Amino acid sequence: MPSLEINELTVLIILSIPVAFSPYLLKKRRDIMKWFPGYYALFMVFLCTNLEAFVAPDTFNFLEHFFAMMSGILMCTAALYESYRKVLKGKPINLNIKKVER
């Protein structure tokens, strides 16, 4: 049976602070809403990691790896969406480069 590790518990405590303040953060900053599903999945990874030390280690181990996969997929989706929205769809950047005459 897995044991509770202090570093995983510390990460869970650190991750729970933004999760607790997420309604306020999302109210103030609407542009970071696309990153929160991946962040919540990452929170669930460490929650399942800590819970597997107490009950149903096989179930929580499966959930830990499932949420790790979902976190990666959701973060990549958010990064691609932001890249599309700001770089590809946005206004072109005009660089004022002067030609050097020789």
C-alpha atoms as a PDB file:
ATOM      1  CA  MET A   1       0.000   0.000   0.000  1.00  0.00           C
ATOM      2  CA  PRO A   2       1.444   3.398  -0.938  1.00  0.00           C
ATOM      3  CA  SER A   3       2.343   5.805   1.809  1.00  0.00           C
ATOM      4  CA  LEU A   4       1.645   9.502   2.137  1.00  0.00           C
ATOM      5  CA  GLU A   5       4.606  11.578   0.995  1.00  0.00           C
ATOM      6  CA  ILE A   6       5.207  15.043   2.381  1.00  0.00           C
ATOM      7  CA  ASN A   7       6.216  16.591  -0.958  1.00  0.00           C
ATOM      8  CA  GLU A   8       2.974  15.488  -2.639  1.00  0.00           C
ATOM      9  CA  LEU A   9       0.963  16.862   0.278  1.00  0.00           C
ATOM     10  CA  THR A  10       2.865  20.157   0.058  1.00  0.00           C
ATOM     11  CA  VAL A  11       2.131  20.472  -3.665  1.00  0.00           C
ATOM     12  CA  LEU A  12      -1.552  19.747  -3.009  1.00  0.00           C
ATOM     13  CA  ILE A  13      -1.689  22.524  -0.408  1.00  0.00           C
ATOM     14  CA  ILE A  14       0.057  24.969  -2.752  1.00  0.00           C
ATOM     15  CA  LEU A  15      -2.266  24.045  -5.643  1.00  0.00           C
ATOM     16  CA  SER A  16      -5.383  24.401  -3.495  1.00  0.00           C
ATOM     17  CA  ILE A  17      -4.779  28.119  -2.867  1.00  0.00           C
ATOM     18  CA  PRO A  18      -5.511  29.253  -6.469  1.00  0.00           C
ATOM     19  CA  VAL A  19      -8.369  26.739  -6.686  1.00  0.00           C
ATOM     20  CA  ALA A  20      -9.957  28.354  -3.626  1.00  0.00           C
ATOM     21  CA  PHE A  21      -9.599  31.825  -5.148  1.00  0.00           C
ATOM     22  CA  SER A  22     -10.572  30.790  -8.683  1.00  0.00           C
ATOM     23  CA  PRO A  23     -14.056  32.416  -8.673  1.00  0.00           C
ATOM     24  CA  TYR A  24     -12.458  35.753  -7.805  1.00  0.00           C
ATOM     25  CA  LEU A  25      -9.621  35.271 -10.302  1.00  0.00           C
ATOM     26  CA  LEU A  26     -11.989  34.333 -13.117  1.00  0.00           C
ATOM     27  CA  LYS A  27     -14.186  37.322 -12.329  1.00  0.00           C
ATOM     28  CA  LYS A  28     -11.242  39.732 -12.565  1.00  0.00           C
ATOM     29  CA  ARG A  29      -9.299  38.096 -15.405  1.00  0.00           C
ATOM     30  CA  ARG A  30     -11.501  36.529 -18.070  1.00  0.00           C
ATOM     31  CA  ASP A  31      -8.515  35.853 -20.344  1.00  0.00           C
ATOM     32  CA  ILE A  32      -7.155  33.072 -18.105  1.00  0.00           C
ATOM     33  CA  MET A  33     -10.381  31.063 -18.159  1.00  0.00           C
ATOM     34  CA  LYS A  34      -9.050  28.739 -20.851  1.00  0.00           C
ATOM     35  CA  TRP A  35      -6.197  27.606 -18.576  1.00  0.00           C
ATOM     36  CA  PHE A  36      -8.350  26.635 -15.582  1.00  0.00           C
ATOM     37  CA  PRO A  37      -9.655  23.231 -16.805  1.00  0.00           C
ATOM     38  CA  GLY A  38      -6.068  22.027 -17.162  1.00  0.00           C
ATOM     39  CA  TYR A  39      -5.186  23.522 -13.799  1.00  0.00           C
ATOM     40  CA  TYR A  40      -8.148  21.800 -12.123  1.00  0.00           C
ATOM     41  CA  ALA A  41      -7.084  18.506 -13.713  1.00  0.00           C
ATOM     42  CA  LEU A  42      -3.591  19.050 -12.295  1.00  0.00           C
ATOM     43  CA  PHE A  43      -5.158  19.690  -8.888  1.00  0.00           C
ATOM     44  CA  MET A  44      -7.063  16.407  -9.212  1.00  0.00           C
ATOM     45  CA  VAL A  45      -3.792  14.600 -10.015  1.00  0.00           C
ATOM     46  CA  PHE A  46      -2.303  15.550  -6.668  1.00  0.00           C
ATOM     47  CA  LEU A  47      -5.573  15.007  -4.818  1.00  0.00           C
ATOM     48  CA  CYS A  48      -5.785  11.441  -6.165  1.00  0.00           C
ATOM     49  CA  THR A  49      -2.090  10.909  -5.416  1.00  0.00           C
ATOM     50  CA  ASN A  50      -2.669  11.764  -1.765  1.00  0.00           C
ATOM     51  CA  LEU A  51      -5.930   9.822  -1.490  1.00  0.00           C
ATOM     52  CA  GLU A  52      -4.393   6.614  -2.830  1.00  0.00           C
ATOM     53  CA  ALA A  53      -2.348   6.378   0.378  1.00  0.00           C
ATOM     54  CA  PHE A  54      -5.545   5.936   2.400  1.00  0.00           C
ATOM     55  CA  VAL A  55      -8.222   4.085   0.389  1.00  0.00           C
ATOM     56  CA  ALA A  56      -8.508   2.189  -2.913  1.00  0.00           C
ATOM     57  CA  PRO A  57      -4.935   2.584  -4.177  1.00  0.00           C
ATOM     58  CA  ASP A  58      -5.624   0.997  -7.574  1.00  0.00           C
ATOM     59  CA  THR A  59      -8.620   3.223  -8.289  1.00  0.00           C
ATOM     60  CA  PHE A  60      -6.904   6.431  -7.268  1.00  0.00           C
ATOM     61  CA  ASN A  61      -3.748   5.421  -9.136  1.00  0.00           C
ATOM     62  CA  PHE A  62      -5.845   5.049 -12.299  1.00  0.00           C
ATOM     63  CA  LEU A  63      -7.546   8.395 -11.652  1.00  0.00           C
ATOM     64  CA  GLU A  64      -4.174  10.049 -11.019  1.00  0.00           C
ATOM     65  CA  HIS A  65      -2.853   8.950 -14.404  1.00  0.00           C
ATOM     66  CA  PHE A  66      -6.138   9.752 -16.140  1.00  0.00           C
ATOM     67  CA  PHE A  67      -6.161  13.312 -14.795  1.00  0.00           C
ATOM     68  CA  ALA A  68      -2.469  13.718 -15.669  1.00  0.00           C
ATOM     69  CA  MET A  69      -3.348  12.818 -19.256  1.00  0.00           C
ATOM     70  CA  MET A  70      -6.346  15.158 -19.238  1.00  0.00           C
ATOM     71  CA  SER A  71      -4.238  17.967 -17.781  1.00  0.00           C
ATOM     72  CA  GLY A  72      -1.725  17.622 -20.609  1.00  0.00           C
ATOM     73  CA  ILE A  73      -4.443  17.558 -23.259  1.00  0.00           C
ATOM     74  CA  LEU A  74      -6.276  20.556 -21.780  1.00  0.00           C
ATOM     75  CA  MET A  75      -3.086  22.612 -21.361  1.00  0.00           C
ATOM     76  CA  CYS A  76      -2.047  21.875 -24.962  1.00  0.00           C
ATOM     77  CA  THR A  77      -5.524  22.813 -26.171  1.00  0.00           C
ATOM     78  CA  ALA A  78      -5.383  26.092 -24.247  1.00  0.00           C
ATOM     79  CA  ALA A  79      -1.916  26.862 -25.620  1.00  0.00           C
ATOM     80  CA  LEU A  80      -3.005  26.127 -29.196  1.00  0.00           C
ATOM     81  CA  TYR A  81      -6.134  28.245 -28.791  1.00  0.00           C
ATOM     82  CA  GLU A  82      -4.151  31.153 -27.391  1.00  0.00           C
ATOM     83  CA  SER A  83      -1.588  30.804 -30.162  1.00  0.00           C
ATOM     84  CA  TYR A  84      -4.353  30.836 -32.771  1.00  0.00           C
ATOM     85  CA  ARG A  85      -6.163  33.758 -31.180  1.00  0.00           C
ATOM     86  CA  LYS A  86      -3.161  36.002 -30.574  1.00  0.00           C
ATOM     87  CA  VAL A  87      -0.671  35.044 -33.275  1.00  0.00           C
ATOM     88  CA  LEU A  88      -2.487  33.621 -36.271  1.00  0.00           C
ATOM     89  CA  LYS A  89      -5.775  35.499 -36.046  1.00  0.00           C
ATOM     90  CA  GLY A  90      -4.392  38.682 -34.518  1.00  0.00           C
ATOM     91  CA  LYS A  91      -3.066  41.734 -36.269  1.00  0.00           C
ATOM     92  CA  PRO A  92       0.236  41.292 -38.094  1.00  0.00           C
ATOM     93  CA  ILE A  93       3.265  42.756 -36.406  1.00  0.00           C
ATOM     94  CA  ASN A  94       4.963  45.474 -38.433  1.00  0.00           C
ATOM     95  CA  LEU A  95       8.658  45.736 -37.780  1.00  0.00           C
ATOM     96  CA  ASN A  96      10.264  49.068 -38.574  1.00  0.00           C
ATOM     97  CA  ILE A  97      13.567  47.855 -39.912  1.00  0.00           C
ATOM     98  CA  LYS A  98      15.681  50.320 -41.826  1.00  0.00           C
ATOM     99  CA  LYS A  99      17.792  49.029 -44.659  1.00  0.00           C
ATOM    100  CA  VAL A 100      21.481  49.710 -44.352  1.00  0.00           C
ATOM    101  CA  GLU A 101      23.019  51.166 -47.496  1.00  0.00           C
ATOM    102  CA  ARG A 102      26.585  50.288 -48.332  1.00  0.00           C
END
